[in-house]
């Protein structure tokens, strides 16, 4: 099993040590991170997988309160899958709307690029 320092975990996840400490302090992780006898945090593969999930949820705009709620439900264990599913489905709808909007913007940019490419080709 992997056991990484906070610096190593930060490097692996692309987050800062400050962000990792914040995630733990704010209840976004599944459990408190293990500590070495020296008191330094030691991150496991499971911790890193969960941090990656939290990072994805945050990167797609899930509010901290919803990530915190999702983490709390997972910590509680079996029996609340309906609520977990509801949180993720609601967030998926938001992400799909954002994706559709960005796709529309990309199409508009592609249209303009095609116009300018046509003009550049004509003048060449």
N, C-alpha and C. Protein backbone atom coordinates (compact mmCIF):
# COMPACT_ATOMS: atom_id res chain seq x y z
N UNK A 1 0.85 -1.18 0.00
CA UNK A 1 0.00 0.00 0.00
C UNK A 1 0.89 1.24 0.00
N UNK A 2 0.51 2.22 -0.81
CA UNK A 2 1.26 3.46 -0.91
C UNK A 2 1.09 4.28 0.36
N UNK A 3 2.14 4.93 0.77
CA UNK A 3 2.11 5.85 1.89
C UNK A 3 2.94 7.06 1.51
N UNK A 4 2.25 8.15 1.17
CA UNK A 4 2.93 9.34 0.66
C UNK A 4 2.88 10.48 1.67
N UNK A 5 3.92 11.28 1.65
CA UNK A 5 3.92 12.51 2.45
C UNK A 5 2.95 13.49 1.81
N UNK A 6 2.67 14.57 2.49
CA UNK A 6 1.77 15.57 1.92
C UNK A 6 2.38 16.20 0.67
N UNK A 7 3.70 16.37 0.66
CA UNK A 7 4.35 16.93 -0.53
C UNK A 7 4.22 15.98 -1.72
N UNK A 8 4.41 14.69 -1.46
CA UNK A 8 4.28 13.69 -2.53
C UNK A 8 2.83 13.59 -3.01
N UNK A 9 1.88 13.64 -2.07
CA UNK A 9 0.47 13.60 -2.45
C UNK A 9 0.09 14.84 -3.25
N UNK A 10 0.64 15.98 -2.86
CA UNK A 10 0.37 17.22 -3.60
C UNK A 10 0.89 17.10 -5.02
N UNK A 11 2.08 16.58 -5.17
CA UNK A 11 2.66 16.41 -6.50
C UNK A 11 1.82 15.44 -7.34
N UNK A 12 1.41 14.33 -6.75
CA UNK A 12 0.61 13.32 -7.46
C UNK A 12 -0.75 13.85 -7.89
N UNK A 13 -1.38 14.66 -7.03
CA UNK A 13 -2.74 15.12 -7.29
C UNK A 13 -2.78 16.44 -8.06
N UNK A 14 -1.66 17.15 -8.08
CA UNK A 14 -1.65 18.45 -8.72
C UNK A 14 -2.23 19.55 -7.84
N UNK A 15 -2.46 19.24 -6.59
CA UNK A 15 -2.99 20.22 -5.63
C UNK A 15 -1.85 20.70 -4.75
N UNK A 16 -2.10 21.77 -4.03
CA UNK A 16 -1.11 22.24 -3.07
C UNK A 16 -1.30 21.53 -1.74
N UNK A 17 -0.27 21.53 -0.92
CA UNK A 17 -0.38 20.97 0.43
C UNK A 17 -1.46 21.71 1.20
N UNK A 18 -1.56 23.01 1.00
CA UNK A 18 -2.59 23.82 1.66
C UNK A 18 -3.98 23.30 1.28
N UNK A 19 -4.20 23.02 0.00
CA UNK A 19 -5.50 22.53 -0.46
C UNK A 19 -5.80 21.17 0.15
N UNK A 20 -4.81 20.30 0.21
CA UNK A 20 -5.02 18.98 0.82
C UNK A 20 -5.40 19.11 2.29
N UNK A 21 -4.73 19.99 3.01
CA UNK A 21 -5.09 20.21 4.42
C UNK A 21 -6.50 20.78 4.53
N UNK A 22 -6.84 21.70 3.62
CA UNK A 22 -8.19 22.29 3.61
C UNK A 22 -9.24 21.21 3.36
N UNK A 23 -9.03 20.34 2.38
CA UNK A 23 -9.98 19.27 2.08
C UNK A 23 -10.23 18.43 3.33
N UNK A 24 -9.17 18.10 4.05
CA UNK A 24 -9.31 17.29 5.26
C UNK A 24 -10.05 18.06 6.35
N UNK A 25 -9.64 19.29 6.57
CA UNK A 25 -10.23 20.12 7.63
C UNK A 25 -11.71 20.40 7.38
N UNK A 26 -12.09 20.55 6.10
CA UNK A 26 -13.46 20.94 5.76
C UNK A 26 -14.40 19.76 5.55
N UNK A 27 -13.94 18.54 5.85
CA UNK A 27 -14.81 17.38 5.77
C UNK A 27 -15.05 16.85 4.38
N UNK A 28 -14.13 17.14 3.46
CA UNK A 28 -14.29 16.69 2.08
C UNK A 28 -13.68 15.31 1.84
N UNK A 29 -12.87 14.83 2.77
CA UNK A 29 -12.24 13.52 2.63
C UNK A 29 -13.09 12.47 3.34
N UNK A 30 -12.83 11.21 3.02
CA UNK A 30 -13.61 10.13 3.62
C UNK A 30 -13.28 9.94 5.09
N UNK A 31 -12.05 10.23 5.46
CA UNK A 31 -11.62 10.06 6.85
C UNK A 31 -10.39 10.93 7.07
N UNK A 32 -10.01 11.06 8.31
CA UNK A 32 -8.77 11.77 8.60
C UNK A 32 -7.61 10.99 7.98
N UNK A 33 -6.68 11.72 7.45
CA UNK A 33 -5.51 11.09 6.84
C UNK A 33 -4.66 10.50 7.95
N UNK A 34 -4.15 9.28 7.69
CA UNK A 34 -3.28 8.62 8.68
C UNK A 34 -2.06 9.49 8.96
N UNK A 35 -1.49 9.26 10.11
CA UNK A 35 -0.29 10.00 10.52
C UNK A 35 0.85 9.04 10.80
N UNK A 36 2.04 9.46 10.43
CA UNK A 36 3.25 8.72 10.77
C UNK A 36 3.52 8.94 12.26
N UNK A 37 4.38 8.14 12.86
CA UNK A 37 4.71 8.36 14.28
C UNK A 37 5.18 9.79 14.56
N UNK A 38 5.76 10.43 13.55
CA UNK A 38 6.22 11.82 13.70
C UNK A 38 5.07 12.81 13.70
N UNK A 39 3.86 12.34 13.33
CA UNK A 39 2.70 13.24 13.26
C UNK A 39 2.43 13.75 11.86
N UNK A 40 3.33 13.47 10.93
CA UNK A 40 3.15 13.93 9.54
C UNK A 40 2.09 13.09 8.84
N UNK A 41 1.30 13.73 8.00
CA UNK A 41 0.27 13.03 7.25
C UNK A 41 0.90 12.00 6.30
N UNK A 42 0.19 10.89 6.14
CA UNK A 42 0.60 9.83 5.22
C UNK A 42 -0.63 9.47 4.38
N UNK A 43 -0.56 9.68 3.09
CA UNK A 43 -1.68 9.46 2.17
C UNK A 43 -1.59 8.09 1.52
N UNK A 44 -2.72 7.38 1.48
CA UNK A 44 -2.79 6.06 0.87
C UNK A 44 -3.35 6.18 -0.56
N UNK A 45 -3.32 5.08 -1.29
CA UNK A 45 -3.92 5.04 -2.62
C UNK A 45 -5.41 5.38 -2.54
N UNK A 46 -6.08 4.87 -1.52
CA UNK A 46 -7.51 5.17 -1.34
C UNK A 46 -7.71 6.68 -1.16
N UNK A 47 -6.87 7.31 -0.35
CA UNK A 47 -6.96 8.77 -0.16
C UNK A 47 -6.81 9.48 -1.49
N UNK A 48 -5.82 9.06 -2.28
CA UNK A 48 -5.56 9.72 -3.57
C UNK A 48 -6.72 9.53 -4.54
N UNK A 49 -7.32 8.34 -4.56
CA UNK A 49 -8.49 8.12 -5.43
C UNK A 49 -9.64 9.03 -5.03
N UNK A 50 -9.87 9.15 -3.72
CA UNK A 50 -10.96 10.01 -3.26
C UNK A 50 -10.66 11.48 -3.57
N UNK A 51 -9.44 11.90 -3.34
CA UNK A 51 -9.04 13.28 -3.63
C UNK A 51 -9.25 13.57 -5.11
N UNK A 52 -8.94 12.62 -5.98
CA UNK A 52 -9.17 12.79 -7.41
C UNK A 52 -10.66 12.99 -7.70
N UNK A 53 -11.51 12.23 -7.02
CA UNK A 53 -12.96 12.39 -7.21
C UNK A 53 -13.41 13.76 -6.74
N UNK A 54 -12.95 14.17 -5.58
CA UNK A 54 -13.30 15.50 -5.06
C UNK A 54 -12.84 16.58 -6.04
N UNK A 55 -11.64 16.42 -6.56
CA UNK A 55 -11.09 17.38 -7.52
C UNK A 55 -11.96 17.45 -8.77
N UNK A 56 -12.42 16.30 -9.24
CA UNK A 56 -13.29 16.29 -10.42
C UNK A 56 -14.63 16.94 -10.14
N UNK A 57 -15.19 16.65 -8.99
CA UNK A 57 -16.47 17.28 -8.63
C UNK A 57 -16.32 18.79 -8.54
N UNK A 58 -15.26 19.24 -7.90
CA UNK A 58 -15.02 20.69 -7.78
C UNK A 58 -14.73 21.32 -9.13
N UNK A 59 -13.94 20.63 -9.98
CA UNK A 59 -13.59 21.18 -11.29
C UNK A 59 -14.81 21.32 -12.19
N UNK A 60 -15.83 20.52 -11.92
CA UNK A 60 -17.06 20.62 -12.71
C UNK A 60 -18.11 21.48 -12.03
N UNK A 61 -17.69 22.17 -10.98
CA UNK A 61 -18.56 23.18 -10.38
C UNK A 61 -19.44 22.72 -9.24
N UNK A 62 -19.25 21.52 -8.72
CA UNK A 62 -20.08 21.10 -7.59
C UNK A 62 -19.73 21.96 -6.38
N UNK A 63 -20.74 22.55 -5.75
CA UNK A 63 -20.47 23.38 -4.57
C UNK A 63 -19.85 22.57 -3.43
N UNK A 64 -19.02 23.22 -2.64
CA UNK A 64 -18.36 22.58 -1.50
C UNK A 64 -19.38 21.89 -0.61
N UNK A 65 -20.51 22.53 -0.34
CA UNK A 65 -21.51 21.94 0.55
C UNK A 65 -22.01 20.60 0.01
N UNK A 66 -22.14 20.49 -1.32
CA UNK A 66 -22.59 19.23 -1.92
C UNK A 66 -21.50 18.17 -1.89
N UNK A 67 -20.24 18.58 -2.10
CA UNK A 67 -19.13 17.63 -1.99
C UNK A 67 -19.04 17.14 -0.55
N UNK A 68 -19.19 18.04 0.40
CA UNK A 68 -19.15 17.67 1.81
C UNK A 68 -20.27 16.69 2.13
N UNK A 69 -21.47 16.94 1.60
CA UNK A 69 -22.62 16.06 1.83
C UNK A 69 -22.36 14.69 1.22
N UNK A 70 -21.84 14.67 -0.01
CA UNK A 70 -21.54 13.41 -0.68
C UNK A 70 -20.52 12.60 0.13
N UNK A 71 -19.46 13.27 0.58
CA UNK A 71 -18.44 12.60 1.39
C UNK A 71 -19.06 12.04 2.68
N UNK A 72 -19.94 12.80 3.31
CA UNK A 72 -20.58 12.34 4.54
C UNK A 72 -21.43 11.10 4.27
N UNK A 73 -22.13 11.09 3.15
CA UNK A 73 -22.96 9.92 2.80
C UNK A 73 -22.09 8.69 2.56
N UNK A 74 -20.98 8.87 1.87
CA UNK A 74 -20.08 7.74 1.61
C UNK A 74 -19.51 7.23 2.94
N UNK A 75 -19.14 8.15 3.83
CA UNK A 75 -18.61 7.75 5.14
C UNK A 75 -19.64 6.94 5.93
N UNK A 76 -20.91 7.29 5.77
CA UNK A 76 -21.97 6.58 6.51
C UNK A 76 -22.11 5.13 6.07
N UNK A 77 -21.69 4.81 4.87
CA UNK A 77 -21.74 3.44 4.38
C UNK A 77 -23.03 3.11 3.66
N UNK A 78 -23.27 1.84 3.50
CA UNK A 78 -24.43 1.36 2.74
C UNK A 78 -25.74 1.85 3.33
N UNK A 79 -26.73 1.97 2.42
CA UNK A 79 -28.08 2.33 2.85
C UNK A 79 -28.53 3.70 2.38
N UNK A 80 -27.61 4.52 1.89
CA UNK A 80 -28.00 5.86 1.44
C UNK A 80 -27.67 6.08 -0.04
N UNK A 81 -27.59 4.98 -0.78
CA UNK A 81 -27.21 5.08 -2.20
C UNK A 81 -28.19 5.93 -3.00
N UNK A 82 -29.47 5.93 -2.63
CA UNK A 82 -30.46 6.74 -3.35
C UNK A 82 -30.10 8.22 -3.24
N UNK A 83 -29.71 8.64 -2.05
CA UNK A 83 -29.34 10.05 -1.87
C UNK A 83 -28.04 10.38 -2.60
N UNK A 84 -27.07 9.47 -2.55
CA UNK A 84 -25.82 9.68 -3.29
C UNK A 84 -26.10 9.82 -4.77
N UNK A 85 -26.91 8.89 -5.28
CA UNK A 85 -27.27 8.91 -6.69
C UNK A 85 -27.96 10.21 -7.06
N UNK A 86 -28.86 10.66 -6.21
CA UNK A 86 -29.56 11.92 -6.46
C UNK A 86 -28.61 13.10 -6.56
N UNK A 87 -27.65 13.17 -5.66
CA UNK A 87 -26.66 14.25 -5.70
C UNK A 87 -25.87 14.22 -7.01
N UNK A 88 -25.42 13.02 -7.39
CA UNK A 88 -24.60 12.91 -8.60
C UNK A 88 -25.42 13.15 -9.87
N UNK A 89 -26.67 12.69 -9.90
CA UNK A 89 -27.51 12.93 -11.08
C UNK A 89 -27.82 14.42 -11.24
N UNK A 90 -28.10 15.09 -10.13
CA UNK A 90 -28.37 16.53 -10.19
C UNK A 90 -27.14 17.27 -10.70
N UNK A 91 -25.96 16.88 -10.21
CA UNK A 91 -24.73 17.54 -10.65
C UNK A 91 -24.45 17.23 -12.12
N UNK A 92 -24.74 16.01 -12.53
CA UNK A 92 -24.54 15.62 -13.94
C UNK A 92 -25.37 16.50 -14.86
N UNK A 93 -26.59 16.80 -14.46
CA UNK A 93 -27.45 17.68 -15.27
C UNK A 93 -26.82 19.06 -15.42
N UNK A 94 -26.28 19.58 -14.34
CA UNK A 94 -25.61 20.90 -14.39
C UNK A 94 -24.43 20.84 -15.35
N UNK A 95 -23.61 19.79 -15.23
CA UNK A 95 -22.43 19.65 -16.08
C UNK A 95 -22.83 19.51 -17.55
N UNK A 96 -23.89 18.75 -17.81
CA UNK A 96 -24.35 18.59 -19.19
C UNK A 96 -24.82 19.93 -19.78
N UNK A 97 -25.52 20.73 -18.98
CA UNK A 97 -25.94 22.07 -19.46
C UNK A 97 -24.73 22.94 -19.76
N UNK A 98 -23.74 22.91 -18.87
CA UNK A 98 -22.52 23.69 -19.08
C UNK A 98 -21.80 23.23 -20.34
N UNK A 99 -21.72 21.91 -20.51
CA UNK A 99 -21.06 21.35 -21.69
C UNK A 99 -21.77 21.77 -22.97
N UNK A 100 -23.09 21.76 -22.98
CA UNK A 100 -23.86 22.18 -24.15
C UNK A 100 -23.60 23.66 -24.45
N UNK A 101 -23.53 24.46 -23.41
CA UNK A 101 -23.26 25.89 -23.60
C UNK A 101 -21.87 26.12 -24.18
N UNK A 102 -20.87 25.44 -23.63
CA UNK A 102 -19.50 25.58 -24.12
C UNK A 102 -19.40 25.05 -25.55
N UNK A 103 -20.09 23.96 -25.84
CA UNK A 103 -20.09 23.42 -27.20
C UNK A 103 -20.68 24.43 -28.18
N UNK A 104 -21.72 25.11 -27.78
CA UNK A 104 -22.29 26.17 -28.61
C UNK A 104 -21.29 27.29 -28.87
N UNK A 105 -20.56 27.67 -27.84
CA UNK A 105 -19.53 28.71 -28.00
C UNK A 105 -18.44 28.24 -28.96
N UNK A 106 -18.05 26.98 -28.81
CA UNK A 106 -17.02 26.42 -29.68
C UNK A 106 -17.48 26.41 -31.14
N UNK A 107 -18.72 26.08 -31.36
CA UNK A 107 -19.25 26.10 -32.74
C UNK A 107 -19.20 27.51 -33.33
N UNK A 108 -19.52 28.50 -32.53
CA UNK A 108 -19.46 29.89 -33.00
C UNK A 108 -18.02 30.28 -33.35
N UNK A 109 -17.08 29.86 -32.52
CA UNK A 109 -15.67 30.15 -32.78
C UNK A 109 -15.22 29.43 -34.05
N UNK A 110 -15.60 28.16 -34.19
CA UNK A 110 -15.26 27.40 -35.40
C UNK A 110 -15.82 28.07 -36.65
N UNK A 111 -17.03 28.60 -36.56
CA UNK A 111 -17.65 29.30 -37.69
C UNK A 111 -16.80 30.50 -38.09
N UNK A 112 -16.38 31.27 -37.12
CA UNK A 112 -15.56 32.45 -37.41
C UNK A 112 -14.20 32.04 -37.98
N UNK A 113 -13.61 30.99 -37.42
CA UNK A 113 -12.33 30.50 -37.96
C UNK A 113 -12.49 30.12 -39.42
N UNK A 114 -13.56 29.41 -39.74
CA UNK A 114 -13.79 29.01 -41.14
C UNK A 114 -13.94 30.22 -42.05
N UNK A 115 -14.61 31.26 -41.56
CA UNK A 115 -14.76 32.49 -42.36
C UNK A 115 -13.39 33.12 -42.64
N UNK A 116 -12.58 33.23 -41.60
CA UNK A 116 -11.27 33.85 -41.77
C UNK A 116 -10.33 32.99 -42.60
N UNK A 117 -10.41 31.68 -42.43
CA UNK A 117 -9.59 30.80 -43.26
C UNK A 117 -9.96 30.97 -44.73
N UNK A 118 -11.25 31.10 -45.00
CA UNK A 118 -11.70 31.33 -46.38
C UNK A 118 -11.17 32.63 -46.93
N UNK A 119 -11.19 33.67 -46.15
CA UNK A 119 -10.68 34.98 -46.60
C UNK A 119 -9.18 34.92 -46.82
N UNK A 120 -8.45 34.26 -45.92
CA UNK A 120 -7.01 34.15 -46.05
C UNK A 120 -6.65 33.37 -47.30
N UNK A 121 -7.36 32.28 -47.57
CA UNK A 121 -7.10 31.48 -48.76
C UNK A 121 -7.38 32.26 -50.04
N UNK A 122 -8.41 33.09 -50.03
CA UNK A 122 -8.76 33.90 -51.21
C UNK A 122 -7.69 34.94 -51.52
N UNK A 123 -7.09 35.48 -50.44
CA UNK A 123 -6.09 36.53 -50.65
C UNK A 123 -4.70 35.98 -50.91
N UNK A 124 -4.53 34.69 -50.77
CA UNK A 124 -3.19 34.10 -50.96
C UNK A 124 -2.91 33.81 -52.42
